[in-house]
Amino acid sequence: MNGNTKLKTIMQEFNDRFPHLILFLYASSERTQSTKKILDVEKTISEVREKKSEDNAIIRGGQKVKNLEKMMDDQFGLYCQVGYRNNEGKAFYTSSEKTDNMTLRELNEHGATQGWKKGEWK
């Protein structure tokens, strides 16, 4: 992904690769807010980012959750959280040391065994 990529494209492609996971994207200023306002998914990275990087960001299945979240902050200045929807449809972030140290592939497989909803990227 690069500055021309729409946020909804990132979120949908992420969910296509990891169907039991969701990618939440916020402005960096939302990090400390108790209620967070999700960025407009119709915008591109270059329209919302707070840092500019010439590097393209690549998401891989072997990448740890915490490393993906850090990469989005380092390269684009975006507050990123990996999450999921439980079997009732309620959204959660992965926030424990255990889940943040899992790879995206491992976490997705874990979500499948836990009954997390599939294909719920919005």
PDB file of N, CA and C in Angstrom:
ATOM      1  N   MET A   1       0.839  -1.176   0.000  1.00  0.00           N
ATOM      2  CA  MET A   1       0.000   0.000   0.000  1.00  0.00           C
ATOM      3  C   MET A   1       0.881   1.235   0.000  1.00  0.00           C
ATOM      4  N   ASN A   2       0.351   2.285  -0.552  1.00  0.00           N
ATOM      5  CA  ASN A   2       1.069   3.550  -0.607  1.00  0.00           C
ATOM      6  C   ASN A   2       0.074   4.686  -0.410  1.00  0.00           C
ATOM      7  N   GLY A   3       0.529   5.900  -0.591  1.00  0.00           N
ATOM      8  CA  GLY A   3      -0.306   7.066  -0.349  1.00  0.00           C
ATOM      9  C   GLY A   3      -1.563   7.143  -1.188  1.00  0.00           C
ATOM     10  N   ASN A   4      -1.582   6.494  -2.341  1.00  0.00           N
ATOM     11  CA  ASN A   4      -2.742   6.539  -3.234  1.00  0.00           C
ATOM     12  C   ASN A   4      -3.797   5.482  -2.918  1.00  0.00           C
ATOM     13  N   THR A   5      -3.524   4.630  -1.961  1.00  0.00           N
ATOM     14  CA  THR A   5      -4.442   3.542  -1.634  1.00  0.00           C
ATOM     15  C   THR A   5      -5.572   4.051  -0.742  1.00  0.00           C
ATOM     16  N   LYS A   6      -6.813   3.730  -1.115  1.00  0.00           N
ATOM     17  CA  LYS A   6      -7.960   4.107  -0.289  1.00  0.00           C
ATOM     18  C   LYS A   6      -7.986   3.247   0.975  1.00  0.00           C
ATOM     19  N   LEU A   7      -8.424   3.839   2.068  1.00  0.00           N
ATOM     20  CA  LEU A   7      -8.502   3.115   3.338  1.00  0.00           C
ATOM     21  C   LEU A   7      -9.422   1.905   3.239  1.00  0.00           C
ATOM     22  N   LYS A   8     -10.545   2.043   2.527  1.00  0.00           N
ATOM     23  CA  LYS A   8     -11.459   0.900   2.415  1.00  0.00           C
ATOM     24  C   LYS A   8     -10.813  -0.251   1.657  1.00  0.00           C
ATOM     25  N   THR A   9      -9.939   0.047   0.706  1.00  0.00           N
ATOM     26  CA  THR A   9      -9.227  -0.996  -0.024  1.00  0.00           C
ATOM     27  C   THR A   9      -8.298  -1.744   0.917  1.00  0.00           C
ATOM     28  N   ILE A  10      -7.580  -1.007   1.749  1.00  0.00           N
ATOM     29  CA  ILE A  10      -6.677  -1.632   2.726  1.00  0.00           C
ATOM     30  C   ILE A  10      -7.465  -2.528   3.669  1.00  0.00           C
ATOM     31  N   MET A  11      -8.562  -1.997   4.206  1.00  0.00           N
ATOM     32  CA  MET A  11      -9.356  -2.736   5.174  1.00  0.00           C
ATOM     33  C   MET A  11      -9.980  -3.983   4.556  1.00  0.00           C
ATOM     34  N   GLN A  12     -10.504  -3.855   3.338  1.00  0.00           N
ATOM     35  CA  GLN A  12     -11.147  -4.995   2.697  1.00  0.00           C
ATOM     36  C   GLN A  12     -10.128  -6.054   2.287  1.00  0.00           C
ATOM     37  N   GLU A  13      -8.999  -5.633   1.718  1.00  0.00           N
ATOM     38  CA  GLU A  13      -7.971  -6.599   1.327  1.00  0.00           C
ATOM     39  C   GLU A  13      -7.377  -7.301   2.547  1.00  0.00           C
ATOM     40  N   PHE A  14      -7.219  -6.573   3.649  1.00  0.00           N
ATOM     41  CA  PHE A  14      -6.746  -7.178   4.891  1.00  0.00           C
ATOM     42  C   PHE A  14      -7.724  -8.276   5.325  1.00  0.00           C
ATOM     43  N   ASN A  15      -9.020  -7.955   5.306  1.00  0.00           N
ATOM     44  CA  ASN A  15     -10.027  -8.917   5.721  1.00  0.00           C
ATOM     45  C   ASN A  15     -10.146 -10.085   4.745  1.00  0.00           C
ATOM     46  N   ASP A  16      -9.876  -9.848   3.468  1.00  0.00           N
ATOM     47  CA  ASP A  16      -9.875 -10.950   2.499  1.00  0.00           C
ATOM     48  C   ASP A  16      -8.772 -11.961   2.823  1.00  0.00           C
ATOM     49  N   ARG A  17      -7.604 -11.454   3.223  1.00  0.00           N
ATOM     50  CA  ARG A  17      -6.473 -12.334   3.571  1.00  0.00           C
ATOM     51  C   ARG A  17      -6.617 -12.963   4.945  1.00  0.00           C
ATOM     52  N   PHE A  18      -7.219 -12.210   5.863  1.00  0.00           N
ATOM     53  CA  PHE A  18      -7.394 -12.661   7.246  1.00  0.00           C
ATOM     54  C   PHE A  18      -8.880 -12.476   7.607  1.00  0.00           C
ATOM     55  N   PRO A  19      -9.735 -13.392   7.151  1.00  0.00           N
ATOM     56  CA  PRO A  19     -11.186 -13.175   7.223  1.00  0.00           C
ATOM     57  C   PRO A  19     -11.782 -13.052   8.616  1.00  0.00           C
ATOM     58  N   HIS A  20     -11.074 -13.469   9.649  1.00  0.00           N
ATOM     59  CA  HIS A  20     -11.606 -13.360  11.007  1.00  0.00           C
ATOM     60  C   HIS A  20     -11.085 -12.113  11.730  1.00  0.00           C
ATOM     61  N   LEU A  21     -10.339 -11.270  11.009  1.00  0.00           N
ATOM     62  CA  LEU A  21      -9.754 -10.064  11.609  1.00  0.00           C
ATOM     63  C   LEU A  21     -10.270  -8.804  10.920  1.00  0.00           C
ATOM     64  N   ILE A  22     -10.180  -7.694  11.632  1.00  0.00           N
ATOM     65  CA  ILE A  22     -10.570  -6.379  11.121  1.00  0.00           C
ATOM     66  C   ILE A  22      -9.398  -5.433  11.363  1.00  0.00           C
ATOM     67  N   LEU A  23      -9.223  -4.489  10.464  1.00  0.00           N
ATOM     68  CA  LEU A  23      -8.214  -3.457  10.627  1.00  0.00           C
ATOM     69  C   LEU A  23      -8.936  -2.140  10.896  1.00  0.00           C
ATOM     70  N   PHE A  24      -8.675  -1.539  12.059  1.00  0.00           N
ATOM     71  CA  PHE A  24      -9.243  -0.243  12.415  1.00  0.00           C
ATOM     72  C   PHE A  24      -8.171   0.816  12.186  1.00  0.00           C
ATOM     73  N   LEU A  25      -8.515   1.900  11.484  1.00  0.00           N
ATOM     74  CA  LEU A  25      -7.554   2.965  11.192  1.00  0.00           C
ATOM     75  C   LEU A  25      -8.078   4.301  11.700  1.00  0.00           C
ATOM     76  N   TYR A  26      -7.230   4.987  12.467  1.00  0.00           N
ATOM     77  CA  TYR A  26      -7.577   6.267  13.075  1.00  0.00           C
ATOM     78  C   TYR A  26      -6.453   7.273  12.856  1.00  0.00           C
ATOM     79  N   ALA A  27      -6.779   8.543  13.027  1.00  0.00           N
ATOM     80  CA  ALA A  27      -5.742   9.570  13.078  1.00  0.00           C
ATOM     81  C   ALA A  27      -4.944   9.344  14.356  1.00  0.00           C
ATOM     82  N   SER A  28      -3.674   9.693  14.342  1.00  0.00           N
ATOM     83  CA  SER A  28      -2.825   9.514  15.532  1.00  0.00           C
ATOM     84  C   SER A  28      -3.391  10.216  16.759  1.00  0.00           C
ATOM     85  N   SER A  29      -4.053  11.341  16.555  1.00  0.00           N
ATOM     86  CA  SER A  29      -4.609  12.107  17.669  1.00  0.00           C
ATOM     87  C   SER A  29      -5.723  11.346  18.404  1.00  0.00           C
ATOM     88  N   GLU A  30      -6.270  10.310  17.783  1.00  0.00           N
ATOM     89  CA  GLU A  30      -7.337   9.520  18.408  1.00  0.00           C
ATOM     90  C   GLU A  30      -6.799   8.497  19.411  1.00  0.00           C
ATOM     91  N   ARG A  31      -5.491   8.261  19.385  1.00  0.00           N
ATOM     92  CA  ARG A  31      -4.883   7.221  20.219  1.00  0.00           C
ATOM     93  C   ARG A  31      -5.288   7.326  21.692  1.00  0.00           C
ATOM     94  N   THR A  32      -5.337   8.521  22.237  1.00  0.00           N
ATOM     95  CA  THR A  32      -5.604   8.697  23.662  1.00  0.00           C
ATOM     96  C   THR A  32      -7.077   8.974  23.969  1.00  0.00           C
ATOM     97  N   GLN A  33      -7.923   9.017  22.952  1.00  0.00           N
ATOM     98  CA  GLN A  33      -9.337   9.306  23.165  1.00  0.00           C
ATOM     99  C   GLN A  33     -10.074   8.038  23.614  1.00  0.00           C
ATOM    100  N   SER A  34     -11.014   8.194  24.528  1.00  0.00           N
ATOM    101  CA  SER A  34     -11.770   7.028  24.990  1.00  0.00           C
ATOM    102  C   SER A  34     -12.752   6.553  23.914  1.00  0.00           C
ATOM    103  N   THR A  35     -13.327   7.490  23.173  1.00  0.00           N
ATOM    104  CA  THR A  35     -14.184   7.158  22.044  1.00  0.00           C
ATOM    105  C   THR A  35     -13.455   7.616  20.794  1.00  0.00           C
ATOM    106  N   LYS A  36     -13.183   6.678  19.904  1.00  0.00           N
ATOM    107  CA  LYS A  36     -12.373   6.977  18.731  1.00  0.00           C
ATOM    108  C   LYS A  36     -13.239   7.140  17.488  1.00  0.00           C
ATOM    109  N   LYS A  37     -12.862   8.101  16.662  1.00  0.00           N
ATOM    110  CA  LYS A  37     -13.576   8.353  15.415  1.00  0.00           C
ATOM    111  C   LYS A  37     -12.766   7.724  14.277  1.00  0.00           C
ATOM    112  N   ILE A  38     -13.359   6.715  13.630  1.00  0.00           N
ATOM    113  CA  ILE A  38     -12.696   6.029  12.525  1.00  0.00           C
ATOM    114  C   ILE A  38     -12.596   6.990  11.344  1.00  0.00           C
ATOM    115  N   LEU A  39     -11.480   6.924  10.639  1.00  0.00           N
ATOM    116  CA  LEU A  39     -11.266   7.766   9.470  1.00  0.00           C
ATOM    117  C   LEU A  39     -12.254   7.417   8.354  1.00  0.00           C
ATOM    118  N   ASP A  40     -12.524   8.379   7.489  1.00  0.00           N
ATOM    119  CA  ASP A  40     -13.384   8.180   6.323  1.00  0.00           C
ATOM    120  C   ASP A  40     -12.718   7.177   5.390  1.00  0.00           C
ATOM    121  N   VAL A  41     -13.331   6.030   5.200  1.00  0.00           N
ATOM    122  CA  VAL A  41     -12.733   4.952   4.412  1.00  0.00           C
ATOM    123  C   VAL A  41     -12.659   5.269   2.928  1.00  0.00           C
ATOM    124  N   GLU A  42     -13.332   6.314   2.489  1.00  0.00           N
ATOM    125  CA  GLU A  42     -13.272   6.720   1.079  1.00  0.00           C
ATOM    126  C   GLU A  42     -12.020   7.540   0.778  1.00  0.00           C
ATOM    127  N   LYS A  43     -11.314   7.977   1.805  1.00  0.00           N
ATOM    128  CA  LYS A  43     -10.099   8.778   1.620  1.00  0.00           C
ATOM    129  C   LYS A  43      -8.896   7.885   1.376  1.00  0.00           C
ATOM    130  N   THR A  44      -7.865   8.470   0.775  1.00  0.00           N
ATOM    131  CA  THR A  44      -6.614   7.749   0.560  1.00  0.00           C
ATOM    132  C   THR A  44      -5.681   7.984   1.747  1.00  0.00           C
ATOM    133  N   ILE A  45      -4.659   7.164   1.838  1.00  0.00           N
ATOM    134  CA  ILE A  45      -3.664   7.335   2.896  1.00  0.00           C
ATOM    135  C   ILE A  45      -3.087   8.746   2.850  1.00  0.00           C
ATOM    136  N   SER A  46      -2.780   9.247   1.656  1.00  0.00           N
ATOM    137  CA  SER A  46      -2.155  10.572   1.563  1.00  0.00           C
ATOM    138  C   SER A  46      -3.080  11.682   2.047  1.00  0.00           C
ATOM    139  N   GLU A  47      -4.385  11.462   2.030  1.00  0.00           N
ATOM    140  CA  GLU A  47      -5.336  12.471   2.504  1.00  0.00           C
ATOM    141  C   GLU A  47      -5.461  12.498   4.026  1.00  0.00           C
ATOM    142  N   VAL A  48      -5.081  11.419   4.684  1.00  0.00           N
ATOM    143  CA  VAL A  48      -5.288  11.339   6.132  1.00  0.00           C
ATOM    144  C   VAL A  48      -4.013  11.149   6.943  1.00  0.00           C
ATOM    145  N   ARG A  49      -2.943  10.784   6.297  1.00  0.00           N
ATOM    146  CA  ARG A  49      -1.726  10.458   7.051  1.00  0.00           C
ATOM    147  C   ARG A  49      -1.135  11.686   7.726  1.00  0.00           C
ATOM    148  N   GLU A  50      -0.398  11.423   8.790  1.00  0.00           N
ATOM    149  CA  GLU A  50       0.265  12.486   9.529  1.00  0.00           C
ATOM    150  C   GLU A  50       1.775  12.425   9.364  1.00  0.00           C
ATOM    151  N   LYS A  51       2.259  11.406   8.671  1.00  0.00           N
ATOM    152  CA  LYS A  51       3.681  11.272   8.335  1.00  0.00           C
ATOM    153  C   LYS A  51       3.775  10.878   6.874  1.00  0.00           C
ATOM    154  N   LYS A  52       4.829  11.309   6.235  1.00  0.00           N
ATOM    155  CA  LYS A  52       5.023  10.943   4.838  1.00  0.00           C
ATOM    156  C   LYS A  52       6.245  10.052   4.728  1.00  0.00           C
ATOM    157  N   SER A  53       6.066   8.951   4.022  1.00  0.00           N
ATOM    158  CA  SER A  53       7.142   8.000   3.804  1.00  0.00           C
ATOM    159  C   SER A  53       7.161   7.624   2.338  1.00  0.00           C
ATOM    160  N   GLU A  54       8.331   7.460   1.803  1.00  0.00           N
ATOM    161  CA  GLU A  54       8.470   7.022   0.413  1.00  0.00           C
ATOM    162  C   GLU A  54       8.322   5.518   0.288  1.00  0.00           C
ATOM    163  N   ASP A  55       8.386   4.812   1.423  1.00  0.00           N
ATOM    164  CA  ASP A  55       8.300   3.358   1.419  1.00  0.00           C
ATOM    165  C   ASP A  55       6.855   2.897   1.290  1.00  0.00           C
ATOM    166  N   ASN A  56       6.670   1.812   0.549  1.00  0.00           N
ATOM    167  CA  ASN A  56       5.375   1.147   0.516  1.00  0.00           C
ATOM    168  C   ASN A  56       5.279   0.235   1.726  1.00  0.00           C
ATOM    169  N   ALA A  57       4.105   0.127   2.281  1.00  0.00           N
ATOM    170  CA  ALA A  57       3.889  -0.763   3.416  1.00  0.00           C
ATOM    171  C   ALA A  57       3.350  -2.086   2.899  1.00  0.00           C
ATOM    172  N   ILE A  58       3.879  -3.159   3.422  1.00  0.00           N
ATOM    173  CA  ILE A  58       3.460  -4.494   3.016  1.00  0.00           C
ATOM    174  C   ILE A  58       2.999  -5.258   4.256  1.00  0.00           C
ATOM    175  N   ILE A  59       1.836  -5.878   4.143  1.00  0.00           N
ATOM    176  CA  ILE A  59       1.302  -6.682   5.235  1.00  0.00           C
ATOM    177  C   ILE A  59       1.498  -8.148   4.872  1.00  0.00           C
ATOM    178  N   ARG A  60       2.116  -8.878   5.787  1.00  0.00           N
ATOM    179  CA  ARG A  60       2.397 -10.297   5.567  1.00  0.00           C
ATOM    180  C   ARG A  60       1.783 -11.136   6.684  1.00  0.00           C
ATOM    181  N   GLY A  61       1.438 -12.362   6.364  1.00  0.00           N
ATOM    182  CA  GLY A  61       0.838 -13.265   7.341  1.00  0.00           C
ATOM    183  C   GLY A  61       1.744 -13.594   8.502  1.00  0.00           C
ATOM    184  N   GLY A  62       3.069 -13.586   8.273  1.00  0.00           N
ATOM    185  CA  GLY A  62       4.021 -13.889   9.327  1.00  0.00           C
ATOM    186  C   GLY A  62       4.376 -12.696  10.192  1.00  0.00           C
ATOM    187  N   GLN A  63       3.751 -11.558   9.927  1.00  0.00           N
ATOM    188  CA  GLN A  63       4.017 -10.326  10.665  1.00  0.00           C
ATOM    189  C   GLN A  63       3.226 -10.336  11.976  1.00  0.00           C
ATOM    190  N   LYS A  64       3.881  -9.952  13.061  1.00  0.00           N
ATOM    191  CA  LYS A  64       3.194  -9.876  14.348  1.00  0.00           C
ATOM    192  C   LYS A  64       2.217  -8.698  14.339  1.00  0.00           C
ATOM    193  N   VAL A  65       1.136  -8.854  15.084  1.00  0.00           N
ATOM    194  CA  VAL A  65       0.123  -7.807  15.202  1.00  0.00           C
ATOM    195  C   VAL A  65       0.761  -6.492  15.625  1.00  0.00           C
ATOM    196  N   LYS A  66       1.581  -6.526  16.672  1.00  0.00           N
ATOM    197  CA  LYS A  66       2.178  -5.286  17.181  1.00  0.00           C
ATOM    198  C   LYS A  66       3.104  -4.642  16.152  1.00  0.00           C
ATOM    199  N   ASN A  67       3.741  -5.442  15.311  1.00  0.00           N
ATOM    200  CA  ASN A  67       4.631  -4.886  14.285  1.00  0.00           C
ATOM    201  C   ASN A  67       3.845  -4.215  13.165  1.00  0.00           C
ATOM    202  N   LEU A  68       2.701  -4.760  12.800  1.00  0.00           N
ATOM    203  CA  LEU A  68       1.840  -4.111  11.803  1.00  0.00           C
ATOM    204  C   LEU A  68       1.356  -2.774  12.341  1.00  0.00           C
ATOM    205  N   GLU A  69       0.888  -2.757  13.569  1.00  0.00           N
ATOM    206  CA  GLU A  69       0.386  -1.518  14.160  1.00  0.00           C
ATOM    207  C   GLU A  69       1.486  -0.462  14.243  1.00  0.00           C
ATOM    208  N   LYS A  70       2.690  -0.873  14.592  1.00  0.00           N
ATOM    209  CA  LYS A  70       3.835   0.047  14.663  1.00  0.00           C
ATOM    210  C   LYS A  70       4.224   0.550  13.273  1.00  0.00           C
ATOM    211  N   MET A  71       4.210  -0.334  12.264  1.00  0.00           N
ATOM    212  CA  MET A  71       4.553   0.054  10.906  1.00  0.00           C
ATOM    213  C   MET A  71       3.601   1.136  10.395  1.00  0.00           C
ATOM    214  N   MET A  72       2.316   0.992  10.650  1.00  0.00           N
ATOM    215  CA  MET A  72       1.341   1.985  10.184  1.00  0.00           C
ATOM    216  C   MET A  72       1.590   3.335  10.852  1.00  0.00           C
ATOM    217  N   ASP A  73       1.990   3.317  12.108  1.00  0.00           N
ATOM    218  CA  ASP A  73       2.309   4.554  12.812  1.00  0.00           C
ATOM    219  C   ASP A  73       3.613   5.151  12.285  1.00  0.00           C
ATOM    220  N   ASP A  74       4.637   4.335  12.146  1.00  0.00           N
ATOM    221  CA  ASP A  74       5.946   4.818  11.698  1.00  0.00           C
ATOM    222  C   ASP A  74       5.918   5.360  10.271  1.00  0.00           C
ATOM    223  N   GLN A  75       5.227   4.661   9.379  1.00  0.00           N
ATOM    224  CA  GLN A  75       5.262   5.054   7.972  1.00  0.00           C
ATOM    225  C   GLN A  75       4.229   6.101   7.594  1.00  0.00           C
ATOM    226  N   PHE A  76       3.051   6.053   8.217  1.00  0.00           N
ATOM    227  CA  PHE A  76       1.971   6.947   7.801  1.00  0.00           C
ATOM    228  C   PHE A  76       1.438   7.844   8.915  1.00  0.00           C
ATOM    229  N   GLY A  77       1.878   7.618  10.148  1.00  0.00           N
ATOM    230  CA  GLY A  77       1.343   8.404  11.250  1.00  0.00           C
ATOM    231  C   GLY A  77      -0.117   8.086  11.514  1.00  0.00           C
ATOM    232  N   LEU A  78      -0.505   6.836  11.293  1.00  0.00           N
ATOM    233  CA  LEU A  78      -1.878   6.412  11.540  1.00  0.00           C
ATOM    234  C   LEU A  78      -1.918   5.481  12.753  1.00  0.00           C
ATOM    235  N   TYR A  79      -2.923   5.674  13.568  1.00  0.00           N
ATOM    236  CA  TYR A  79      -3.143   4.788  14.703  1.00  0.00           C
ATOM    237  C   TYR A  79      -3.945   3.600  14.182  1.00  0.00           C
ATOM    238  N   CYS A  80      -3.356   2.438  14.250  1.00  0.00           N
ATOM    239  CA  CYS A  80      -3.923   1.218  13.686  1.00  0.00           C
ATOM    240  C   CYS A  80      -4.139   0.205  14.797  1.00  0.00           C
ATOM    241  N   GLN A  81      -5.280  -0.457  14.763  1.00  0.00           N
ATOM    242  CA  GLN A  81      -5.570  -1.533  15.705  1.00  0.00           C
ATOM    243  C   GLN A  81      -6.133  -2.722  14.933  1.00  0.00           C
ATOM    244  N   VAL A  82      -5.583  -3.898  15.211  1.00  0.00           N
ATOM    245  CA  VAL A  82      -6.140  -5.129  14.666  1.00  0.00           C
ATOM    246  C   VAL A  82      -7.230  -5.573  15.624  1.00  0.00           C
ATOM    247  N   GLY A  83      -8.351  -6.012  15.073  1.00  0.00           N
ATOM    248  CA  GLY A  83      -9.453  -6.425  15.916  1.00  0.00           C
ATOM    249  C   GLY A  83     -10.261  -7.540  15.296  1.00  0.00           C
ATOM    250  N   TYR A  84     -11.428  -7.763  15.870  1.00  0.00           N
ATOM    251  CA  TYR A  84     -12.306  -8.836  15.413  1.00  0.00           C
ATOM    252  C   TYR A  84     -13.724  -8.554  15.889  1.00  0.00           C
ATOM    253  N   ARG A  85     -14.677  -9.308  15.354  1.00  0.00           N
ATOM    254  CA  ARG A  85     -16.060  -9.266  15.829  1.00  0.00           C
ATOM    255  C   ARG A  85     -16.382 -10.639  16.423  1.00  0.00           C
ATOM    256  N   ASN A  86     -16.923 -10.611  17.625  1.00  0.00           N
ATOM    257  CA  ASN A  86     -17.274 -11.894  18.252  1.00  0.00           C
ATOM    258  C   ASN A  86     -18.516 -12.469  17.583  1.00  0.00           C
ATOM    259  N   ASN A  87     -18.960 -13.615  18.050  1.00  0.00           N
ATOM    260  CA  ASN A  87     -20.091 -14.276  17.408  1.00  0.00           C
ATOM    261  C   ASN A  87     -21.396 -13.497  17.534  1.00  0.00           C
ATOM    262  N   GLU A  88     -21.431 -12.487  18.389  1.00  0.00           N
ATOM    263  CA  GLU A  88     -22.596 -11.608  18.517  1.00  0.00           C
ATOM    264  C   GLU A  88     -22.460 -10.355  17.661  1.00  0.00           C
ATOM    265  N   GLY A  89     -21.302 -10.186  17.001  1.00  0.00           N
ATOM    266  CA  GLY A  89     -21.088  -9.045  16.124  1.00  0.00           C
ATOM    267  C   GLY A  89     -20.465  -7.837  16.791  1.00  0.00           C
ATOM    268  N   LYS A  90     -20.108  -7.943  18.076  1.00  0.00           N
ATOM    269  CA  LYS A  90     -19.486  -6.826  18.792  1.00  0.00           C
ATOM    270  C   LYS A  90     -17.999  -6.774  18.464  1.00  0.00           C
ATOM    271  N   ALA A  91     -17.483  -5.567  18.179  1.00  0.00           N
ATOM    272  CA  ALA A  91     -16.082  -5.392  17.780  1.00  0.00           C
ATOM    273  C   ALA A  91     -15.176  -5.216  18.993  1.00  0.00           C
ATOM    274  N   PHE A  92     -13.986  -5.811  18.890  1.00  0.00           N
ATOM    275  CA  PHE A  92     -12.962  -5.731  19.929  1.00  0.00           C
ATOM    276  C   PHE A  92     -11.602  -5.523  19.275  1.00  0.00           C
ATOM    277  N   TYR A  93     -10.687  -4.904  20.013  1.00  0.00           N
ATOM    278  CA  TYR A  93      -9.286  -4.833  19.609  1.00  0.00           C
ATOM    279  C   TYR A  93      -8.552  -6.023  20.204  1.00  0.00           C
ATOM    280  N   THR A  94      -7.486  -6.420  19.544  1.00  0.00           N
ATOM    281  CA  THR A  94      -6.570  -7.373  20.163  1.00  0.00           C
ATOM    282  C   THR A  94      -5.636  -6.525  21.010  1.00  0.00           C
ATOM    283  N   SER A  95      -5.660  -6.744  22.289  1.00  0.00           N
ATOM    284  CA  SER A  95      -4.890  -5.841  23.151  1.00  0.00           C
ATOM    285  C   SER A  95      -4.077  -6.542  24.223  1.00  0.00           C
ATOM    286  N   SER A  96      -4.106  -7.851  24.231  1.00  0.00           N
ATOM    287  CA  SER A  96      -3.305  -8.534  25.234  1.00  0.00           C
ATOM    288  C   SER A  96      -1.903  -8.785  24.688  1.00  0.00           C
ATOM    289  N   GLU A  97      -0.973  -9.013  25.576  1.00  0.00           N
ATOM    290  CA  GLU A  97       0.392  -9.312  25.147  1.00  0.00           C
ATOM    291  C   GLU A  97       0.411 -10.564  24.272  1.00  0.00           C
ATOM    292  N   LYS A  98      -0.417 -11.526  24.640  1.00  0.00           N
ATOM    293  CA  LYS A  98      -0.482 -12.778  23.870  1.00  0.00           C
ATOM    294  C   LYS A  98      -0.917 -12.514  22.427  1.00  0.00           C
ATOM    295  N   THR A  99      -2.034 -11.809  22.237  1.00  0.00           N
ATOM    296  CA  THR A  99      -2.537 -11.596  20.877  1.00  0.00           C
ATOM    297  C   THR A  99      -1.668 -10.630  20.090  1.00  0.00           C
ATOM    298  N   ASP A 100      -1.105  -9.622  20.745  1.00  0.00           N
ATOM    299  CA  ASP A 100      -0.243  -8.665  20.035  1.00  0.00           C
ATOM    300  C   ASP A 100       1.061  -9.301  19.575  1.00  0.00           C
ATOM    301  N   ASN A 101       1.467 -10.406  20.212  1.00  0.00           N
ATOM    302  CA  ASN A 101       2.682 -11.110  19.812  1.00  0.00           C
ATOM    303  C   ASN A 101       2.422 -12.261  18.838  1.00  0.00           C
ATOM    304  N   MET A 102       1.159 -12.490  18.502  1.00  0.00           N
ATOM    305  CA  MET A 102       0.830 -13.502  17.499  1.00  0.00           C
ATOM    306  C   MET A 102       1.052 -12.928  16.106  1.00  0.00           C
ATOM    307  N   THR A 103       1.335 -13.805  15.160  1.00  0.00           N
ATOM    308  CA  THR A 103       1.374 -13.340  13.771  1.00  0.00           C
ATOM    309  C   THR A 103      -0.074 -13.175  13.306  1.00  0.00           C
ATOM    310  N   LEU A 104      -0.245 -12.441  12.231  1.00  0.00           N
ATOM    311  CA  LEU A 104      -1.589 -12.249  11.697  1.00  0.00           C
ATOM    312  C   LEU A 104      -2.213 -13.592  11.314  1.00  0.00           C
ATOM    313  N   ARG A 105      -1.423 -14.464  10.749  1.00  0.00           N
ATOM    314  CA  ARG A 105      -1.910 -15.794  10.368  1.00  0.00           C
ATOM    315  C   ARG A 105      -2.356 -16.579  11.606  1.00  0.00           C
ATOM    316  N   GLU A 106      -1.535 -16.566  12.659  1.00  0.00           N
ATOM    317  CA  GLU A 106      -1.878 -17.274  13.895  1.00  0.00           C
ATOM    318  C   GLU A 106      -3.148 -16.703  14.533  1.00  0.00           C
ATOM    319  N   LEU A 107      -3.236 -15.385  14.560  1.00  0.00           N
ATOM    320  CA  LEU A 107      -4.397 -14.742  15.178  1.00  0.00           C
ATOM    321  C   LEU A 107      -5.663 -15.049  14.390  1.00  0.00           C
ATOM    322  N   ASN A 108      -5.567 -15.038  13.072  1.00  0.00           N
ATOM    323  CA  ASN A 108      -6.722 -15.364  12.241  1.00  0.00           C
ATOM    324  C   ASN A 108      -7.180 -16.800  12.509  1.00  0.00           C
ATOM    325  N   GLU A 109      -6.233 -17.725  12.596  1.00  0.00           N
ATOM    326  CA  GLU A 109      -6.567 -19.127  12.888  1.00  0.00           C
ATOM    327  C   GLU A 109      -7.179 -19.255  14.287  1.00  0.00           C
ATOM    328  N   HIS A 110      -6.636 -18.515  15.235  1.00  0.00           N
ATOM    329  CA  HIS A 110      -7.181 -18.498  16.593  1.00  0.00           C
ATOM    330  C   HIS A 110      -8.628 -17.995  16.559  1.00  0.00           C
ATOM    331  N   GLY A 111      -8.869 -16.945  15.805  1.00  0.00           N
ATOM    332  CA  GLY A 111     -10.220 -16.391  15.690  1.00  0.00           C
ATOM    333  C   GLY A 111     -11.204 -17.380  15.106  1.00  0.00           C
ATOM    334  N   ALA A 112     -10.754 -18.179  14.148  1.00  0.00           N
ATOM    335  CA  ALA A 112     -11.622 -19.193  13.555  1.00  0.00           C
ATOM    336  C   ALA A 112     -12.052 -20.205  14.614  1.00  0.00           C
ATOM    337  N   THR A 113     -11.140 -20.589  15.503  1.00  0.00           N
ATOM    338  CA  THR A 113     -11.468 -21.561  16.550  1.00  0.00           C
ATOM    339  C   THR A 113     -12.342 -20.949  17.645  1.00  0.00           C
ATOM    340  N   GLN A 114     -12.290 -19.615  17.782  1.00  0.00           N
ATOM    341  CA  GLN A 114     -13.070 -18.924  18.812  1.00  0.00           C
ATOM    342  C   GLN A 114     -14.452 -18.486  18.318  1.00  0.00           C
ATOM    343  N   GLY A 115     -14.723 -18.708  17.047  1.00  0.00           N
ATOM    344  CA  GLY A 115     -16.021 -18.340  16.492  1.00  0.00           C
ATOM    345  C   GLY A 115     -16.155 -16.875  16.128  1.00  0.00           C
ATOM    346  N   TRP A 116     -15.015 -16.191  15.910  1.00  0.00           N
ATOM    347  CA  TRP A 116     -15.087 -14.792  15.498  1.00  0.00           C
ATOM    348  C   TRP A 116     -15.739 -14.718  14.130  1.00  0.00           C
ATOM    349  N   LYS A 117     -16.527 -13.682  13.921  1.00  0.00           N
ATOM    350  CA  LYS A 117     -17.242 -13.522  12.656  1.00  0.00           C
ATOM    351  C   LYS A 117     -16.263 -13.394  11.502  1.00  0.00           C
ATOM    352  N   LYS A 118     -16.677 -13.905  10.381  1.00  0.00           N
ATOM    353  CA  LYS A 118     -15.846 -13.924   9.190  1.00  0.00           C
ATOM    354  C   LYS A 118     -16.361 -12.885   8.195  1.00  0.00           C
ATOM    355  N   GLY A 119     -15.426 -12.153   7.564  1.00  0.00           N
ATOM    356  CA  GLY A 119     -15.804 -11.213   6.515  1.00  0.00           C
ATOM    357  C   GLY A 119     -16.467  -9.943   6.999  1.00  0.00           C
ATOM    358  N   GLU A 120     -16.201  -9.550   8.231  1.00  0.00           N
ATOM    359  CA  GLU A 120     -16.830  -8.356   8.836  1.00  0.00           C
ATOM    360  C   GLU A 120     -15.849  -7.209   8.894  1.00  0.00           C
ATOM    361  N   TRP A 121     -15.427  -6.687   7.764  1.00  0.00           N
ATOM    362  CA  TRP A 121     -14.359  -5.676   7.749  1.00  0.00           C
ATOM    363  C   TRP A 121     -14.840  -4.255   7.998  1.00  0.00           C
ATOM    364  N   LYS A 122     -16.109  -3.976   7.902  1.00  0.00           N
ATOM    365  CA  LYS A 122     -16.596  -2.602   8.079  1.00  0.00           C
ATOM    366  C   LYS A 122     -16.849  -2.298   9.540  1.00  0.00           C
TER     367      LYS A 122
END
